[in-house]
PDB file of N, CA and C in Angstrom:
ATOM      1  N   MET A   1       0.834  -1.178   0.000  1.00  0.00           N
ATOM      2  CA  MET A   1       0.000   0.000   0.000  1.00  0.00           C
ATOM      3  C   MET A   1       0.882   1.246   0.000  1.00  0.00           C
ATOM      4  N   THR A   2       0.327   2.303  -0.534  1.00  0.00           N
ATOM      5  CA  THR A   2       1.095   3.534  -0.627  1.00  0.00           C
ATOM      6  C   THR A   2       1.012   4.318   0.676  1.00  0.00           C
ATOM      7  N   ASP A   3       1.958   5.239   0.827  1.00  0.00           N
ATOM      8  CA  ASP A   3       1.947   6.109   2.007  1.00  0.00           C
ATOM      9  C   ASP A   3       0.677   6.944   2.060  1.00  0.00           C
ATOM     10  N   ASP A   4       0.174   7.372   0.882  1.00  0.00           N
ATOM     11  CA  ASP A   4      -1.062   8.150   0.856  1.00  0.00           C
ATOM     12  C   ASP A   4      -2.217   7.377   1.476  1.00  0.00           C
ATOM     13  N   PHE A   5      -2.275   6.085   1.172  1.00  0.00           N
ATOM     14  CA  PHE A   5      -3.338   5.250   1.718  1.00  0.00           C
ATOM     15  C   PHE A   5      -3.240   5.197   3.243  1.00  0.00           C
ATOM     16  N   TYR A   6      -2.046   5.011   3.757  1.00  0.00           N
ATOM     17  CA  TYR A   6      -1.856   4.988   5.216  1.00  0.00           C
ATOM     18  C   TYR A   6      -2.206   6.331   5.844  1.00  0.00           C
ATOM     19  N   ASP A   7      -1.900   7.415   5.168  1.00  0.00           N
ATOM     20  CA  ASP A   7      -2.262   8.742   5.680  1.00  0.00           C
ATOM     21  C   ASP A   7      -3.772   8.886   5.807  1.00  0.00           C
ATOM     22  N   ILE A   8      -4.486   8.395   4.809  1.00  0.00           N
ATOM     23  CA  ILE A   8      -5.949   8.455   4.850  1.00  0.00           C
ATOM     24  C   ILE A   8      -6.478   7.622   6.008  1.00  0.00           C
ATOM     25  N   ILE A   9      -5.957   6.410   6.157  1.00  0.00           N
ATOM     26  CA  ILE A   9      -6.387   5.532   7.251  1.00  0.00           C
ATOM     27  C   ILE A   9      -6.077   6.167   8.605  1.00  0.00           C
ATOM     28  N   ASN A  10      -4.904   6.758   8.735  1.00  0.00           N
ATOM     29  CA  ASN A  10      -4.523   7.391  10.000  1.00  0.00           C
ATOM     30  C   ASN A  10      -5.489   8.483  10.425  1.00  0.00           C
ATOM     31  N   ARG A  11      -6.060   9.188   9.473  1.00  0.00           N
ATOM     32  CA  ARG A  11      -7.025  10.245   9.808  1.00  0.00           C
ATOM     33  C   ARG A  11      -8.206   9.697  10.597  1.00  0.00           C
ATOM     34  N   TYR A  12      -8.617   8.475  10.307  1.00  0.00           N
ATOM     35  CA  TYR A  12      -9.744   7.875  11.024  1.00  0.00           C
ATOM     36  C   TYR A  12      -9.379   7.584  12.479  1.00  0.00           C
ATOM     37  N   PHE A  13      -8.119   7.320  12.733  1.00  0.00           N
ATOM     38  CA  PHE A  13      -7.694   6.996  14.091  1.00  0.00           C
ATOM     39  C   PHE A  13      -7.538   8.232  14.970  1.00  0.00           C
ATOM     40  N   TYR A  14      -7.387   9.381  14.353  1.00  0.00           N
ATOM     41  CA  TYR A  14      -7.154  10.597  15.129  1.00  0.00           C
ATOM     42  C   TYR A  14      -8.300  11.588  15.058  1.00  0.00           C
ATOM     43  N   THR A  15      -9.331  11.238  14.325  1.00  0.00           N
ATOM     44  CA  THR A  15     -10.529  12.079  14.262  1.00  0.00           C
ATOM     45  C   THR A  15     -11.743  11.171  14.293  1.00  0.00           C
ATOM     46  N   GLY A  16     -12.853  11.689  14.728  1.00  0.00           N
ATOM     47  CA  GLY A  16     -14.098  10.926  14.679  1.00  0.00           C
ATOM     48  C   GLY A  16     -14.259   9.946  15.819  1.00  0.00           C
ATOM     49  N   ASN A  17     -15.176   9.039  15.632  1.00  0.00           N
ATOM     50  CA  ASN A  17     -15.560   8.070  16.651  1.00  0.00           C
ATOM     51  C   ASN A  17     -14.586   6.895  16.655  1.00  0.00           C
ATOM     52  N   SER A  18     -13.787   6.786  17.687  1.00  0.00           N
ATOM     53  CA  SER A  18     -12.763   5.742  17.750  1.00  0.00           C
ATOM     54  C   SER A  18     -13.355   4.349  17.956  1.00  0.00           C
ATOM     55  N   GLU A  19     -14.645   4.245  18.218  1.00  0.00           N
ATOM     56  CA  GLU A  19     -15.265   2.935  18.418  1.00  0.00           C
ATOM     57  C   GLU A  19     -15.835   2.363  17.124  1.00  0.00           C
ATOM     58  N   ARG A  20     -15.864   3.150  16.056  1.00  0.00           N
ATOM     59  CA  ARG A  20     -16.429   2.682  14.781  1.00  0.00           C
ATOM     60  C   ARG A  20     -15.442   2.867  13.639  1.00  0.00           C
ATOM     61  N   ILE A  21     -14.168   2.821  13.912  1.00  0.00           N
ATOM     62  CA  ILE A  21     -13.167   3.103  12.886  1.00  0.00           C
ATOM     63  C   ILE A  21     -13.314   2.155  11.704  1.00  0.00           C
ATOM     64  N   TYR A  22     -13.350   0.873  11.971  1.00  0.00           N
ATOM     65  CA  TYR A  22     -13.427  -0.105  10.885  1.00  0.00           C
ATOM     66  C   TYR A  22     -14.672   0.120  10.027  1.00  0.00           C
ATOM     67  N   ALA A  23     -15.820   0.220  10.669  1.00  0.00           N
ATOM     68  CA  ALA A  23     -17.079   0.411   9.935  1.00  0.00           C
ATOM     69  C   ALA A  23     -17.069   1.716   9.148  1.00  0.00           C
ATOM     70  N   SER A  24     -16.516   2.768   9.724  1.00  0.00           N
ATOM     71  CA  SER A  24     -16.454   4.057   9.028  1.00  0.00           C
ATOM     72  C   SER A  24     -15.589   3.980   7.778  1.00  0.00           C
ATOM     73  N   ILE A  25     -14.440   3.339   7.900  1.00  0.00           N
ATOM     74  CA  ILE A  25     -13.540   3.188   6.753  1.00  0.00           C
ATOM     75  C   ILE A  25     -14.215   2.367   5.651  1.00  0.00           C
ATOM     76  N   ILE A  26     -14.810   1.251   6.019  1.00  0.00           N
ATOM     77  CA  ILE A  26     -15.463   0.376   5.043  1.00  0.00           C
ATOM     78  C   ILE A  26     -16.620   1.108   4.368  1.00  0.00           C
ATOM     79  N   ASP A  27     -17.442   1.806   5.138  1.00  0.00           N
ATOM     80  CA  ASP A  27     -18.562   2.553   4.560  1.00  0.00           C
ATOM     81  C   ASP A  27     -18.080   3.607   3.571  1.00  0.00           C
ATOM     82  N   ASP A  28     -17.047   4.343   3.936  1.00  0.00           N
ATOM     83  CA  ASP A  28     -16.541   5.404   3.057  1.00  0.00           C
ATOM     84  C   ASP A  28     -15.929   4.842   1.774  1.00  0.00           C
ATOM     85  N   ILE A  29     -15.191   3.747   1.902  1.00  0.00           N
ATOM     86  CA  ILE A  29     -14.594   3.134   0.710  1.00  0.00           C
ATOM     87  C   ILE A  29     -15.690   2.545  -0.172  1.00  0.00           C
ATOM     88  N   GLU A  30     -16.644   1.865   0.437  1.00  0.00           N
ATOM     89  CA  GLU A  30     -17.736   1.269  -0.319  1.00  0.00           C
ATOM     90  C   GLU A  30     -18.536   2.344  -1.062  1.00  0.00           C
ATOM     91  N   LYS A  31     -18.791   3.452  -0.389  1.00  0.00           N
ATOM     92  CA  LYS A  31     -19.532   4.553  -1.010  1.00  0.00           C
ATOM     93  C   LYS A  31     -18.765   5.110  -2.208  1.00  0.00           C
ATOM     94  N   ALA A  32     -17.465   5.265  -2.067  1.00  0.00           N
ATOM     95  CA  ALA A  32     -16.640   5.795  -3.163  1.00  0.00           C
ATOM     96  C   ALA A  32     -16.614   4.835  -4.348  1.00  0.00           C
ATOM     97  N   VAL A  33     -16.506   3.545  -4.080  1.00  0.00           N
ATOM     98  CA  VAL A  33     -16.458   2.550  -5.154  1.00  0.00           C
ATOM     99  C   VAL A  33     -17.798   2.489  -5.883  1.00  0.00           C
ATOM    100  N   ILE A  34     -18.892   2.505  -5.146  1.00  0.00           N
ATOM    101  CA  ILE A  34     -20.222   2.482  -5.760  1.00  0.00           C
ATOM    102  C   ILE A  34     -20.447   3.752  -6.570  1.00  0.00           C
ATOM    103  N   ALA A  35     -20.040   4.889  -6.026  1.00  0.00           N
ATOM    104  CA  ALA A  35     -20.190   6.157  -6.750  1.00  0.00           C
ATOM    105  C   ALA A  35     -19.424   6.125  -8.068  1.00  0.00           C
ATOM    106  N   LYS A  36     -18.227   5.584  -8.067  1.00  0.00           N
ATOM    107  CA  LYS A  36     -17.428   5.496  -9.299  1.00  0.00           C
ATOM    108  C   LYS A  36     -18.108   4.579 -10.317  1.00  0.00           C
ATOM    109  N   ALA A  37     -18.656   3.460  -9.857  1.00  0.00           N
ATOM    110  CA  ALA A  37     -19.358   2.551 -10.768  1.00  0.00           C
ATOM    111  C   ALA A  37     -20.605   3.214 -11.345  1.00  0.00           C
ATOM    112  N   LEU A  38     -21.318   3.973 -10.527  1.00  0.00           N
ATOM    113  CA  LEU A  38     -22.496   4.700 -11.014  1.00  0.00           C
ATOM    114  C   LEU A  38     -22.092   5.786 -12.006  1.00  0.00           C
ATOM    115  N   GLU A  39     -20.985   6.439 -11.732  1.00  0.00           N
ATOM    116  CA  GLU A  39     -20.474   7.458 -12.648  1.00  0.00           C
ATOM    117  C   GLU A  39     -20.148   6.833 -14.008  1.00  0.00           C
ATOM    118  N   ARG A  40     -19.452   5.716 -13.986  1.00  0.00           N
ATOM    119  CA  ARG A  40     -19.048   5.039 -15.237  1.00  0.00           C
ATOM    120  C   ARG A  40     -20.237   4.475 -15.992  1.00  0.00           C
ATOM    121  N   SER A  41     -21.319   4.146 -15.273  1.00  0.00           N
ATOM    122  CA  SER A  41     -22.492   3.556 -15.914  1.00  0.00           C
ATOM    123  C   SER A  41     -23.573   4.590 -16.214  1.00  0.00           C
ATOM    124  N   GLY A  42     -23.287   5.857 -15.987  1.00  0.00           N
ATOM    125  CA  GLY A  42     -24.284   6.900 -16.229  1.00  0.00           C
ATOM    126  C   GLY A  42     -25.489   6.796 -15.308  1.00  0.00           C
ATOM    127  N   GLY A  43     -25.273   6.248 -14.114  1.00  0.00           N
ATOM    128  CA  GLY A  43     -26.348   6.109 -13.138  1.00  0.00           C
ATOM    129  C   GLY A  43     -27.195   4.866 -13.326  1.00  0.00           C
ATOM    130  N   ASN A  44     -26.822   4.006 -14.262  1.00  0.00           N
ATOM    131  CA  ASN A  44     -27.559   2.777 -14.515  1.00  0.00           C
ATOM    132  C   ASN A  44     -27.143   1.739 -13.471  1.00  0.00           C
ATOM    133  N   GLN A  45     -28.085   1.410 -12.580  1.00  0.00           N
ATOM    134  CA  GLN A  45     -27.759   0.498 -11.482  1.00  0.00           C
ATOM    135  C   GLN A  45     -27.476  -0.917 -11.948  1.00  0.00           C
ATOM    136  N   VAL A  46     -28.142  -1.381 -12.999  1.00  0.00           N
ATOM    137  CA  VAL A  46     -27.884  -2.729 -13.509  1.00  0.00           C
ATOM    138  C   VAL A  46     -26.453  -2.801 -14.050  1.00  0.00           C
ATOM    139  N   ALA A  47     -26.061  -1.788 -14.831  1.00  0.00           N
ATOM    140  CA  ALA A  47     -24.701  -1.760 -15.372  1.00  0.00           C
ATOM    141  C   ALA A  47     -23.678  -1.617 -14.250  1.00  0.00           C
ATOM    142  N   ALA A  48     -23.974  -0.773 -13.261  1.00  0.00           N
ATOM    143  CA  ALA A  48     -23.055  -0.586 -12.129  1.00  0.00           C
ATOM    144  C   ALA A  48     -22.898  -1.880 -11.347  1.00  0.00           C
ATOM    145  N   SER A  49     -23.992  -2.621 -11.170  1.00  0.00           N
ATOM    146  CA  SER A  49     -23.905  -3.888 -10.428  1.00  0.00           C
ATOM    147  C   SER A  49     -23.030  -4.890 -11.177  1.00  0.00           C
ATOM    148  N   LYS A  50     -23.085  -4.874 -12.513  1.00  0.00           N
ATOM    149  CA  LYS A  50     -22.222  -5.766 -13.298  1.00  0.00           C
ATOM    150  C   LYS A  50     -20.760  -5.361 -13.171  1.00  0.00           C
ATOM    151  N   ILE A  51     -20.493  -4.066 -13.198  1.00  0.00           N
ATOM    152  CA  ILE A  51     -19.115  -3.575 -13.019  1.00  0.00           C
ATOM    153  C   ILE A  51     -18.552  -4.057 -11.687  1.00  0.00           C
ATOM    154  N   LEU A  52     -19.377  -3.984 -10.658  1.00  0.00           N
ATOM    155  CA  LEU A  52     -18.935  -4.314  -9.299  1.00  0.00           C
ATOM    156  C   LEU A  52     -19.005  -5.816  -8.985  1.00  0.00           C
ATOM    157  N   GLY A  53     -19.716  -6.560  -9.823  1.00  0.00           N
ATOM    158  CA  GLY A  53     -19.876  -7.987  -9.545  1.00  0.00           C
ATOM    159  C   GLY A  53     -20.843  -8.248  -8.407  1.00  0.00           C
ATOM    160  N   LEU A  54     -21.831  -7.366  -8.270  1.00  0.00           N
ATOM    161  CA  LEU A  54     -22.845  -7.503  -7.223  1.00  0.00           C
ATOM    162  C   LEU A  54     -24.202  -7.783  -7.855  1.00  0.00           C
ATOM    163  N   HIS A  55     -25.056  -8.451  -7.124  1.00  0.00           N
ATOM    164  CA  HIS A  55     -26.438  -8.604  -7.566  1.00  0.00           C
ATOM    165  C   HIS A  55     -27.091  -7.223  -7.524  1.00  0.00           C
ATOM    166  N   ARG A  56     -27.997  -6.967  -8.439  1.00  0.00           N
ATOM    167  CA  ARG A  56     -28.659  -5.661  -8.511  1.00  0.00           C
ATOM    168  C   ARG A  56     -29.336  -5.288  -7.197  1.00  0.00           C
ATOM    169  N   ASN A  57     -29.988  -6.257  -6.551  1.00  0.00           N
ATOM    170  CA  ASN A  57     -30.661  -5.970  -5.274  1.00  0.00           C
ATOM    171  C   ASN A  57     -29.654  -5.623  -4.179  1.00  0.00           C
ATOM    172  N   THR A  58     -28.511  -6.282  -4.179  1.00  0.00           N
ATOM    173  CA  THR A  58     -27.468  -5.979  -3.196  1.00  0.00           C
ATOM    174  C   THR A  58     -26.982  -4.550  -3.383  1.00  0.00           C
ATOM    175  N   LEU A  59     -26.736  -4.169  -4.644  1.00  0.00           N
ATOM    176  CA  LEU A  59     -26.299  -2.799  -4.913  1.00  0.00           C
ATOM    177  C   LEU A  59     -27.365  -1.802  -4.486  1.00  0.00           C
ATOM    178  N   SER A  60     -28.606  -2.082  -4.803  1.00  0.00           N
ATOM    179  CA  SER A  60     -29.700  -1.189  -4.425  1.00  0.00           C
ATOM    180  C   SER A  60     -29.768  -1.003  -2.911  1.00  0.00           C
ATOM    181  N   ASN A  61     -29.600  -2.085  -2.169  1.00  0.00           N
ATOM    182  CA  ASN A  61     -29.617  -2.000  -0.696  1.00  0.00           C
ATOM    183  C   ASN A  61     -28.449  -1.168  -0.175  1.00  0.00           C
ATOM    184  N   LYS A  62     -27.281  -1.327  -0.776  1.00  0.00           N
ATOM    185  CA  LYS A  62     -26.114  -0.561  -0.354  1.00  0.00           C
ATOM    186  C   LYS A  62     -26.298   0.926  -0.683  1.00  0.00           C
ATOM    187  N   ILE A  63     -26.887   1.225  -1.827  1.00  0.00           N
ATOM    188  CA  ILE A  63     -27.154   2.607  -2.215  1.00  0.00           C
ATOM    189  C   ILE A  63     -28.065   3.268  -1.188  1.00  0.00           C
ATOM    190  N   LYS A  64     -29.100   2.547  -0.764  1.00  0.00           N
ATOM    191  CA  LYS A  64     -30.022   3.077   0.257  1.00  0.00           C
ATOM    192  C   LYS A  64     -29.302   3.262   1.587  1.00  0.00           C
ATOM    193  N   LYS A  65     -28.548   2.241   2.008  1.00  0.00           N
ATOM    194  CA  LYS A  65     -27.845   2.288   3.299  1.00  0.00           C
ATOM    195  C   LYS A  65     -26.859   3.453   3.364  1.00  0.00           C
ATOM    196  N   LEU A  66     -26.175   3.701   2.246  1.00  0.00           N
ATOM    197  CA  LEU A  66     -25.136   4.733   2.216  1.00  0.00           C
ATOM    198  C   LEU A  66     -25.654   6.094   1.750  1.00  0.00           C
ATOM    199  N   ASN A  67     -26.960   6.184   1.521  1.00  0.00           N
ATOM    200  CA  ASN A  67     -27.595   7.442   1.088  1.00  0.00           C
ATOM    201  C   ASN A  67     -26.922   8.033  -0.148  1.00  0.00           C
ATOM    202  N   ILE A  68     -26.759   7.221  -1.172  1.00  0.00           N
ATOM    203  CA  ILE A  68     -26.147   7.675  -2.421  1.00  0.00           C
ATOM    204  C   ILE A  68     -27.248   8.187  -3.340  1.00  0.00           C
ATOM    205  N   ASP A  69     -27.072   9.388  -3.860  1.00  0.00           N
ATOM    206  CA  ASP A  69     -28.025  10.002  -4.781  1.00  0.00           C
ATOM    207  C   ASP A  69     -27.715   9.543  -6.200  1.00  0.00           C
ATOM    208  N   VAL A  70     -28.430   8.535  -6.671  1.00  0.00           N
ATOM    209  CA  VAL A  70     -28.186   7.957  -7.996  1.00  0.00           C
ATOM    210  C   VAL A  70     -28.454   8.974  -9.095  1.00  0.00           C
ATOM    211  N   GLU A  71     -29.430   9.842  -8.902  1.00  0.00           N
ATOM    212  CA  GLU A  71     -29.765  10.841  -9.924  1.00  0.00           C
ATOM    213  C   GLU A  71     -28.575  11.715 -10.282  1.00  0.00           C
ATOM    214  N   ARG A  72     -27.713  11.909  -9.347  1.00  0.00           N
ATOM    215  CA  ARG A  72     -26.519  12.732  -9.568  1.00  0.00           C
ATOM    216  C   ARG A  72     -25.628  12.165 -10.680  1.00  0.00           C
ATOM    217  N   TYR A  73     -25.707  10.864 -10.897  1.00  0.00           N
ATOM    218  CA  TYR A  73     -24.822  10.197 -11.859  1.00  0.00           C
ATOM    219  C   TYR A  73     -25.496   9.906 -13.200  1.00  0.00           C
ATOM    220  N   ARG A  74     -26.789  10.183 -13.297  1.00  0.00           N
ATOM    221  CA  ARG A  74     -27.500   9.902 -14.544  1.00  0.00           C
ATOM    222  C   ARG A  74     -27.052  10.857 -15.635  1.00  0.00           C
ATOM    223  N   SER A  75     -26.854  10.288 -16.818  1.00  0.00           N
ATOM    224  CA  SER A  75     -26.422  11.137 -17.938  1.00  0.00           C
ATOM    225  C   SER A  75     -27.500  11.232 -18.997  1.00  0.00           C
TER     226      SER A  75
END
């Protein structure tokens, strides 16, 4: 891993809720990855789910859980 990656991870240890570090990191990374897939697919959830290798319903549930605005990515 790069030093930049460790710097990002370190920020979670020195700011925020120290009892949810793992969950916070995973949620933020998952949100970024889903957002990128939605961006590449023009907001098409079926196409984004194929990019990510997730079932469409799984992606839909994650989008709801992470409060991702799919309309923002529609082209």
